[in-house]
Amino acid sequence: MIIAIGGEVFNVGGGSGISVNELIELLEEITGKNAKITHIEKQKGDVWDTLADTTKISTELNWKPEVKIEEGLKMFVAWYKKQIGKE
């Protein structure tokens, strides 16, 4: 996630990587459902890796991530279920 404050742009993230497959596995565990996965060829513009560099936000705002990916996903799934009325 990119955030702009006072004209400055900050990259916000956990500072560690997770593969799409790992993310899917976590979501399957959290939701208790199996994902329907279709593998296709790499698409133009696809990247191999993404990782938030939090150096600037850490240095300038003394910010650090406090929520691990699993905890954040659990919070998101609970919020989403509430939004669609399936708590």
PDB file of N, CA and C in Angstrom:
ATOM      1  N   MET A   1       0.856  -1.158   0.000  1.00  0.00           N
ATOM      2  CA  MET A   1       0.000   0.000   0.000  1.00  0.00           C
ATOM      3  C   MET A   1       0.907   1.226   0.000  1.00  0.00           C
ATOM      4  N   ILE A   2       0.557   2.213  -0.801  1.00  0.00           N
ATOM      5  CA  ILE A   2       1.295   3.467  -0.860  1.00  0.00           C
ATOM      6  C   ILE A   2       0.437   4.551  -0.199  1.00  0.00           C
ATOM      7  N   ILE A   3       1.036   5.312   0.701  1.00  0.00           N
ATOM      8  CA  ILE A   3       0.325   6.387   1.394  1.00  0.00           C
ATOM      9  C   ILE A   3       1.085   7.696   1.182  1.00  0.00           C
ATOM     10  N   ALA A   4       0.355   8.778   0.917  1.00  0.00           N
ATOM     11  CA  ALA A   4       0.963  10.102   0.774  1.00  0.00           C
ATOM     12  C   ALA A   4       0.557  10.963   1.955  1.00  0.00           C
ATOM     13  N   ILE A   5       1.547  11.561   2.619  1.00  0.00           N
ATOM     14  CA  ILE A   5       1.300  12.437   3.763  1.00  0.00           C
ATOM     15  C   ILE A   5       2.114  13.710   3.556  1.00  0.00           C
ATOM     16  N   GLY A   6       1.437  14.844   3.531  1.00  0.00           N
ATOM     17  CA  GLY A   6       2.135  16.109   3.380  1.00  0.00           C
ATOM     18  C   GLY A   6       3.021  16.160   2.149  1.00  0.00           C
ATOM     19  N   GLY A   7       2.596  15.542   1.062  1.00  0.00           N
ATOM     20  CA  GLY A   7       3.382  15.546  -0.167  1.00  0.00           C
ATOM     21  C   GLY A   7       4.410  14.438  -0.233  1.00  0.00           C
ATOM     22  N   GLU A   8       4.649  13.730   0.863  1.00  0.00           N
ATOM     23  CA  GLU A   8       5.587  12.603   0.878  1.00  0.00           C
ATOM     24  C   GLU A   8       4.831  11.309   0.592  1.00  0.00           C
ATOM     25  N   VAL A   9       5.470  10.393  -0.080  1.00  0.00           N
ATOM     26  CA  VAL A   9       4.861   9.103  -0.386  1.00  0.00           C
ATOM     27  C   VAL A   9       5.600   8.028   0.403  1.00  0.00           C
ATOM     28  N   PHE A  10       4.816   7.162   1.082  1.00  0.00           N
ATOM     29  CA  PHE A  10       5.393   6.104   1.898  1.00  0.00           C
ATOM     30  C   PHE A  10       4.852   4.744   1.465  1.00  0.00           C
ATOM     31  N   ASN A  11       5.721   3.767   1.423  1.00  0.00           N
ATOM     32  CA  ASN A  11       5.340   2.400   1.114  1.00  0.00           C
ATOM     33  C   ASN A  11       5.035   1.705   2.441  1.00  0.00           C
ATOM     34  N   VAL A  12       3.823   1.194   2.584  1.00  0.00           N
ATOM     35  CA  VAL A  12       3.404   0.571   3.830  1.00  0.00           C
ATOM     36  C   VAL A  12       3.216  -0.920   3.598  1.00  0.00           C
ATOM     37  N   GLY A  13       3.859  -1.737   4.390  1.00  0.00           N
ATOM     38  CA  GLY A  13       3.733  -3.183   4.251  1.00  0.00           C
ATOM     39  C   GLY A  13       4.427  -3.857   5.409  1.00  0.00           C
ATOM     40  N   GLY A  14       4.412  -5.171   5.365  1.00  0.00           N
ATOM     41  CA  GLY A  14       4.987  -5.945   6.451  1.00  0.00           C
ATOM     42  C   GLY A  14       6.485  -6.124   6.381  1.00  0.00           C
ATOM     43  N   GLY A  15       7.081  -5.820   5.228  1.00  0.00           N
ATOM     44  CA  GLY A  15       8.527  -5.937   5.092  1.00  0.00           C
ATOM     45  C   GLY A  15       9.018  -7.347   4.868  1.00  0.00           C
ATOM     46  N   SER A  16       8.105  -8.283   4.647  1.00  0.00           N
ATOM     47  CA  SER A  16       8.514  -9.656   4.327  1.00  0.00           C
ATOM     48  C   SER A  16       7.618 -10.158   3.205  1.00  0.00           C
ATOM     49  N   GLY A  17       8.104 -11.138   2.484  1.00  0.00           N
ATOM     50  CA  GLY A  17       7.364 -11.629   1.332  1.00  0.00           C
ATOM     51  C   GLY A  17       6.514 -12.852   1.635  1.00  0.00           C
ATOM     52  N   ILE A  18       5.526 -13.065   0.798  1.00  0.00           N
ATOM     53  CA  ILE A  18       4.683 -14.257   0.881  1.00  0.00           C
ATOM     54  C   ILE A  18       4.282 -14.597  -0.549  1.00  0.00           C
ATOM     55  N   SER A  19       4.330 -15.871  -0.888  1.00  0.00           N
ATOM     56  CA  SER A  19       3.964 -16.267  -2.244  1.00  0.00           C
ATOM     57  C   SER A  19       2.441 -16.297  -2.377  1.00  0.00           C
ATOM     58  N   VAL A  20       1.979 -16.248  -3.610  1.00  0.00           N
ATOM     59  CA  VAL A  20       0.536 -16.339  -3.857  1.00  0.00           C
ATOM     60  C   VAL A  20       0.015 -17.668  -3.327  1.00  0.00           C
ATOM     61  N   ASN A  21       0.775 -18.738  -3.516  1.00  0.00           N
ATOM     62  CA  ASN A  21       0.346 -20.054  -3.020  1.00  0.00           C
ATOM     63  C   ASN A  21       0.242 -20.072  -1.495  1.00  0.00           C
ATOM     64  N   GLU A  22       1.200 -19.440  -0.812  1.00  0.00           N
ATOM     65  CA  GLU A  22       1.139 -19.361   0.651  1.00  0.00           C
ATOM     66  C   GLU A  22      -0.076 -18.545   1.096  1.00  0.00           C
ATOM     67  N   LEU A  23      -0.344 -17.456   0.375  1.00  0.00           N
ATOM     68  CA  LEU A  23      -1.494 -16.616   0.686  1.00  0.00           C
ATOM     69  C   LEU A  23      -2.792 -17.403   0.526  1.00  0.00           C
ATOM     70  N   ILE A  24      -2.896 -18.150  -0.555  1.00  0.00           N
ATOM     71  CA  ILE A  24      -4.087 -18.981  -0.791  1.00  0.00           C
ATOM     72  C   ILE A  24      -4.248 -20.006   0.323  1.00  0.00           C
ATOM     73  N   GLU A  25      -3.155 -20.664   0.707  1.00  0.00           N
ATOM     74  CA  GLU A  25      -3.220 -21.658   1.785  1.00  0.00           C
ATOM     75  C   GLU A  25      -3.706 -21.030   3.087  1.00  0.00           C
ATOM     76  N   LEU A  26      -3.199 -19.842   3.412  1.00  0.00           N
ATOM     77  CA  LEU A  26      -3.645 -19.149   4.623  1.00  0.00           C
ATOM     78  C   LEU A  26      -5.132 -18.833   4.556  1.00  0.00           C
ATOM     79  N   LEU A  27      -5.585 -18.316   3.408  1.00  0.00           N
ATOM     80  CA  LEU A  27      -7.003 -17.994   3.262  1.00  0.00           C
ATOM     81  C   LEU A  27      -7.878 -19.245   3.343  1.00  0.00           C
ATOM     82  N   GLU A  28      -7.390 -20.361   2.804  1.00  0.00           N
ATOM     83  CA  GLU A  28      -8.136 -21.617   2.912  1.00  0.00           C
ATOM     84  C   GLU A  28      -8.271 -22.036   4.375  1.00  0.00           C
ATOM     85  N   GLU A  29      -7.174 -21.913   5.133  1.00  0.00           N
ATOM     86  CA  GLU A  29      -7.209 -22.262   6.558  1.00  0.00           C
ATOM     87  C   GLU A  29      -8.176 -21.363   7.317  1.00  0.00           C
ATOM     88  N   ILE A  30      -8.110 -20.073   7.060  1.00  0.00           N
ATOM     89  CA  ILE A  30      -8.932 -19.098   7.784  1.00  0.00           C
ATOM     90  C   ILE A  30     -10.410 -19.257   7.450  1.00  0.00           C
ATOM     91  N   THR A  31     -10.725 -19.474   6.181  1.00  0.00           N
ATOM     92  CA  THR A  31     -12.126 -19.541   5.760  1.00  0.00           C
ATOM     93  C   THR A  31     -12.711 -20.938   5.849  1.00  0.00           C
ATOM     94  N   GLY A  32     -11.833 -21.953   5.914  1.00  0.00           N
ATOM     95  CA  GLY A  32     -12.317 -23.328   5.921  1.00  0.00           C
ATOM     96  C   GLY A  32     -12.836 -23.771   4.562  1.00  0.00           C
ATOM     97  N   LYS A  33     -12.451 -23.053   3.526  1.00  0.00           N
ATOM     98  CA  LYS A  33     -12.891 -23.381   2.168  1.00  0.00           C
ATOM     99  C   LYS A  33     -11.682 -23.650   1.286  1.00  0.00           C
ATOM    100  N   ASN A  34     -11.891 -24.477   0.258  1.00  0.00           N
ATOM    101  CA  ASN A  34     -10.827 -24.747  -0.706  1.00  0.00           C
ATOM    102  C   ASN A  34     -10.956 -23.804  -1.886  1.00  0.00           C
ATOM    103  N   ALA A  35      -9.835 -23.198  -2.255  1.00  0.00           N
ATOM    104  CA  ALA A  35      -9.826 -22.281  -3.393  1.00  0.00           C
ATOM    105  C   ALA A  35      -9.929 -23.073  -4.691  1.00  0.00           C
ATOM    106  N   LYS A  36     -10.583 -22.482  -5.665  1.00  0.00           N
ATOM    107  CA  LYS A  36     -10.638 -23.050  -7.005  1.00  0.00           C
ATOM    108  C   LYS A  36      -9.550 -22.358  -7.808  1.00  0.00           C
ATOM    109  N   ILE A  37      -8.469 -23.068  -8.069  1.00  0.00           N
ATOM    110  CA  ILE A  37      -7.284 -22.472  -8.685  1.00  0.00           C
ATOM    111  C   ILE A  37      -7.184 -22.889 -10.148  1.00  0.00           C
ATOM    112  N   THR A  38      -6.960 -21.908 -11.002  1.00  0.00           N
ATOM    113  CA  THR A  38      -6.707 -22.154 -12.412  1.00  0.00           C
ATOM    114  C   THR A  38      -5.353 -21.556 -12.743  1.00  0.00           C
ATOM    115  N   HIS A  39      -4.423 -22.393 -13.177  1.00  0.00           N
ATOM    116  CA  HIS A  39      -3.093 -21.909 -13.547  1.00  0.00           C
ATOM    117  C   HIS A  39      -3.100 -21.504 -15.015  1.00  0.00           C
ATOM    118  N   ILE A  40      -2.607 -20.309 -15.289  1.00  0.00           N
ATOM    119  CA  ILE A  40      -2.504 -19.821 -16.656  1.00  0.00           C
ATOM    120  C   ILE A  40      -1.084 -19.329 -16.890  1.00  0.00           C
ATOM    121  N   GLU A  41      -0.761 -19.062 -18.143  1.00  0.00           N
ATOM    122  CA  GLU A  41       0.566 -18.555 -18.461  1.00  0.00           C
ATOM    123  C   GLU A  41       0.762 -17.172 -17.840  1.00  0.00           C
ATOM    124  N   LYS A  42       2.017 -16.864 -17.595  1.00  0.00           N
ATOM    125  CA  LYS A  42       2.352 -15.537 -17.069  1.00  0.00           C
ATOM    126  C   LYS A  42       1.830 -14.476 -18.031  1.00  0.00           C
ATOM    127  N   GLN A  43       1.245 -13.434 -17.458  1.00  0.00           N
ATOM    128  CA  GLN A  43       0.664 -12.361 -18.249  1.00  0.00           C
ATOM    129  C   GLN A  43       1.638 -11.190 -18.378  1.00  0.00           C
ATOM    130  N   LYS A  44       1.524 -10.449 -19.456  1.00  0.00           N
ATOM    131  CA  LYS A  44       2.356  -9.275 -19.669  1.00  0.00           C
ATOM    132  C   LYS A  44       2.183  -8.339 -18.472  1.00  0.00           C
ATOM    133  N   GLY A  45       3.284  -7.909 -17.900  1.00  0.00           N
ATOM    134  CA  GLY A  45       3.240  -7.014 -16.752  1.00  0.00           C
ATOM    135  C   GLY A  45       3.317  -7.728 -15.409  1.00  0.00           C
ATOM    136  N   ASP A  46       3.156  -9.068 -15.409  1.00  0.00           N
ATOM    137  CA  ASP A  46       3.290  -9.812 -14.159  1.00  0.00           C
ATOM    138  C   ASP A  46       4.718  -9.684 -13.626  1.00  0.00           C
ATOM    139  N   VAL A  47       4.851  -9.640 -12.315  1.00  0.00           N
ATOM    140  CA  VAL A  47       6.172  -9.587 -11.691  1.00  0.00           C
ATOM    141  C   VAL A  47       6.401 -10.880 -10.917  1.00  0.00           C
ATOM    142  N   TRP A  48       7.651 -11.245 -10.728  1.00  0.00           N
ATOM    143  CA  TRP A  48       7.972 -12.465  -9.974  1.00  0.00           C
ATOM    144  C   TRP A  48       7.830 -12.243  -8.483  1.00  0.00           C
ATOM    145  N   ASP A  49       8.297 -11.104  -8.001  1.00  0.00           N
ATOM    146  CA  ASP A  49       8.285 -10.822  -6.565  1.00  0.00           C
ATOM    147  C   ASP A  49       7.854  -9.383  -6.314  1.00  0.00           C
ATOM    148  N   THR A  50       7.169  -9.171  -5.213  1.00  0.00           N
ATOM    149  CA  THR A  50       6.901  -7.818  -4.727  1.00  0.00           C
ATOM    150  C   THR A  50       7.202  -7.815  -3.229  1.00  0.00           C
ATOM    151  N   LEU A  51       7.706  -6.714  -2.759  1.00  0.00           N
ATOM    152  CA  LEU A  51       8.039  -6.606  -1.340  1.00  0.00           C
ATOM    153  C   LEU A  51       8.058  -5.126  -0.971  1.00  0.00           C
ATOM    154  N   ALA A  52       7.335  -4.772   0.057  1.00  0.00           N
ATOM    155  CA  ALA A  52       7.286  -3.378   0.495  1.00  0.00           C
ATOM    156  C   ALA A  52       8.598  -3.008   1.176  1.00  0.00           C
ATOM    157  N   ASP A  53       9.249  -1.972   0.674  1.00  0.00           N
ATOM    158  CA  ASP A  53      10.446  -1.439   1.327  1.00  0.00           C
ATOM    159  C   ASP A  53       9.978  -0.373   2.314  1.00  0.00           C
ATOM    160  N   THR A  54      10.001  -0.691   3.586  1.00  0.00           N
ATOM    161  CA  THR A  54       9.469   0.203   4.616  1.00  0.00           C
ATOM    162  C   THR A  54      10.544   1.086   5.253  1.00  0.00           C
ATOM    163  N   THR A  55      11.710   1.174   4.623  1.00  0.00           N
ATOM    164  CA  THR A  55      12.818   1.958   5.178  1.00  0.00           C
ATOM    165  C   THR A  55      12.425   3.410   5.404  1.00  0.00           C
ATOM    166  N   LYS A  56      11.825   4.046   4.396  1.00  0.00           N
ATOM    167  CA  LYS A  56      11.497   5.472   4.494  1.00  0.00           C
ATOM    168  C   LYS A  56      10.471   5.743   5.587  1.00  0.00           C
ATOM    169  N   ILE A  57       9.389   4.959   5.615  1.00  0.00           N
ATOM    170  CA  ILE A  57       8.351   5.201   6.618  1.00  0.00           C
ATOM    171  C   ILE A  57       8.870   4.905   8.026  1.00  0.00           C
ATOM    172  N   SER A  58       9.739   3.927   8.130  1.00  0.00           N
ATOM    173  CA  SER A  58      10.337   3.586   9.421  1.00  0.00           C
ATOM    174  C   SER A  58      11.258   4.704   9.907  1.00  0.00           C
ATOM    175  N   THR A  59      12.077   5.217   9.003  1.00  0.00           N
ATOM    176  CA  THR A  59      13.033   6.263   9.356  1.00  0.00           C
ATOM    177  C   THR A  59      12.358   7.599   9.638  1.00  0.00           C
ATOM    178  N   GLU A  60      11.462   8.011   8.741  1.00  0.00           N
ATOM    179  CA  GLU A  60      10.889   9.350   8.848  1.00  0.00           C
ATOM    180  C   GLU A  60       9.710   9.450   9.819  1.00  0.00           C
ATOM    181  N   LEU A  61       8.953   8.370   9.985  1.00  0.00           N
ATOM    182  CA  LEU A  61       7.773   8.419  10.853  1.00  0.00           C
ATOM    183  C   LEU A  61       7.876   7.474  12.054  1.00  0.00           C
ATOM    184  N   ASN A  62       9.005   6.784  12.159  1.00  0.00           N
ATOM    185  CA  ASN A  62       9.211   5.811  13.234  1.00  0.00           C
ATOM    186  C   ASN A  62       8.083   4.775  13.263  1.00  0.00           C
ATOM    187  N   TRP A  63       7.625   4.377  12.068  1.00  0.00           N
ATOM    188  CA  TRP A  63       6.539   3.410  11.926  1.00  0.00           C
ATOM    189  C   TRP A  63       7.112   2.020  11.703  1.00  0.00           C
ATOM    190  N   LYS A  64       6.437   1.035  12.250  1.00  0.00           N
ATOM    191  CA  LYS A  64       6.806  -0.356  11.978  1.00  0.00           C
ATOM    192  C   LYS A  64       5.531  -1.187  11.944  1.00  0.00           C
ATOM    193  N   PRO A  65       5.530  -2.252  11.155  1.00  0.00           N
ATOM    194  CA  PRO A  65       4.335  -3.095  11.088  1.00  0.00           C
ATOM    195  C   PRO A  65       4.106  -3.795  12.423  1.00  0.00           C
ATOM    196  N   GLU A  66       2.843  -3.875  12.822  1.00  0.00           N
ATOM    197  CA  GLU A  66       2.505  -4.522  14.088  1.00  0.00           C
ATOM    198  C   GLU A  66       1.614  -5.741  13.898  1.00  0.00           C
ATOM    199  N   VAL A  67       1.027  -5.890  12.710  1.00  0.00           N
ATOM    200  CA  VAL A  67       0.096  -6.979  12.453  1.00  0.00           C
ATOM    201  C   VAL A  67       0.719  -7.939  11.448  1.00  0.00           C
ATOM    202  N   LYS A  68       0.863  -9.184  11.833  1.00  0.00           N
ATOM    203  CA  LYS A  68       1.397 -10.217  10.929  1.00  0.00           C
ATOM    204  C   LYS A  68       0.352 -10.540   9.872  1.00  0.00           C
ATOM    205  N   ILE A  69       0.789 -11.078   8.739  1.00  0.00           N
ATOM    206  CA  ILE A  69      -0.110 -11.341   7.617  1.00  0.00           C
ATOM    207  C   ILE A  69      -1.275 -12.244   8.017  1.00  0.00           C
ATOM    208  N   GLU A  70      -1.021 -13.295   8.785  1.00  0.00           N
ATOM    209  CA  GLU A  70      -2.103 -14.212   9.172  1.00  0.00           C
ATOM    210  C   GLU A  70      -3.161 -13.495  10.013  1.00  0.00           C
ATOM    211  N   GLU A  71      -2.702 -12.701  10.978  1.00  0.00           N
ATOM    212  CA  GLU A  71      -3.631 -11.948  11.831  1.00  0.00           C
ATOM    213  C   GLU A  71      -4.425 -10.943  10.997  1.00  0.00           C
ATOM    214  N   GLY A  72      -3.744 -10.241  10.084  1.00  0.00           N
ATOM    215  CA  GLY A  72      -4.410  -9.268   9.231  1.00  0.00           C
ATOM    216  C   GLY A  72      -5.444  -9.915   8.327  1.00  0.00           C
ATOM    217  N   LEU A  73      -5.123 -11.089   7.788  1.00  0.00           N
ATOM    218  CA  LEU A  73      -6.082 -11.802   6.944  1.00  0.00           C
ATOM    219  C   LEU A  73      -7.300 -12.238   7.745  1.00  0.00           C
ATOM    220  N   LYS A  74      -7.081 -12.702   8.965  1.00  0.00           N
ATOM    221  CA  LYS A  74      -8.206 -13.093   9.824  1.00  0.00           C
ATOM    222  C   LYS A  74      -9.112 -11.893  10.091  1.00  0.00           C
ATOM    223  N   MET A  75      -8.500 -10.740  10.364  1.00  0.00           N
ATOM    224  CA  MET A  75      -9.279  -9.531  10.615  1.00  0.00           C
ATOM    225  C   MET A  75     -10.045  -9.125   9.357  1.00  0.00           C
ATOM    226  N   PHE A  76      -9.386  -9.228   8.192  1.00  0.00           N
ATOM    227  CA  PHE A  76     -10.044  -8.863   6.943  1.00  0.00           C
ATOM    228  C   PHE A  76     -11.216  -9.786   6.649  1.00  0.00           C
ATOM    229  N   VAL A  77     -11.033 -11.089   6.807  1.00  0.00           N
ATOM    230  CA  VAL A  77     -12.107 -12.051   6.521  1.00  0.00           C
ATOM    231  C   VAL A  77     -13.291 -11.794   7.456  1.00  0.00           C
ATOM    232  N   ALA A  78     -13.022 -11.543   8.730  1.00  0.00           N
ATOM    233  CA  ALA A  78     -14.110 -11.247   9.674  1.00  0.00           C
ATOM    234  C   ALA A  78     -14.838  -9.975   9.251  1.00  0.00           C
ATOM    235  N   TRP A  79     -14.103  -8.931   8.873  1.00  0.00           N
ATOM    236  CA  TRP A  79     -14.712  -7.678   8.416  1.00  0.00           C
ATOM    237  C   TRP A  79     -15.548  -7.922   7.169  1.00  0.00           C
ATOM    238  N   TYR A  80     -14.989  -8.676   6.215  1.00  0.00           N
ATOM    239  CA  TYR A  80     -15.690  -8.924   4.955  1.00  0.00           C
ATOM    240  C   TYR A  80     -16.983  -9.681   5.192  1.00  0.00           C
ATOM    241  N   LYS A  81     -16.932 -10.715   6.033  1.00  0.00           N
ATOM    242  CA  LYS A  81     -18.140 -11.481   6.341  1.00  0.00           C
ATOM    243  C   LYS A  81     -19.204 -10.582   6.960  1.00  0.00           C
ATOM    244  N   LYS A  82     -18.780  -9.656   7.807  1.00  0.00           N
ATOM    245  CA  LYS A  82     -19.732  -8.722   8.414  1.00  0.00           C
ATOM    246  C   LYS A  82     -20.347  -7.825   7.344  1.00  0.00           C
ATOM    247  N   GLN A  83     -19.547  -7.384   6.391  1.00  0.00           N
ATOM    248  CA  GLN A  83     -20.033  -6.509   5.331  1.00  0.00           C
ATOM    249  C   GLN A  83     -21.083  -7.194   4.457  1.00  0.00           C
ATOM    250  N   ILE A  84     -20.897  -8.482   4.215  1.00  0.00           N
ATOM    251  CA  ILE A  84     -21.843  -9.190   3.343  1.00  0.00           C
ATOM    252  C   ILE A  84     -22.926  -9.917   4.138  1.00  0.00           C
ATOM    253  N   GLY A  85     -22.929  -9.724   5.457  1.00  0.00           N
ATOM    254  CA  GLY A  85     -23.960 -10.308   6.299  1.00  0.00           C
ATOM    255  C   GLY A  85     -23.835 -11.793   6.523  1.00  0.00           C
ATOM    256  N   LYS A  86     -22.611 -12.305   6.541  1.00  0.00           N
ATOM    257  CA  LYS A  86     -22.397 -13.747   6.761  1.00  0.00           C
ATOM    258  C   LYS A  86     -21.417 -13.970   7.907  1.00  0.00           C
ATOM    259  N   GLU A  87     -21.679 -13.317   9.024  1.00  0.00           N
ATOM    260  CA  GLU A  87     -20.795 -13.450  10.193  1.00  0.00           C
ATOM    261  C   GLU A  87     -20.811 -14.849  10.728  1.00  0.00           C
TER     262      GLU A  87
END
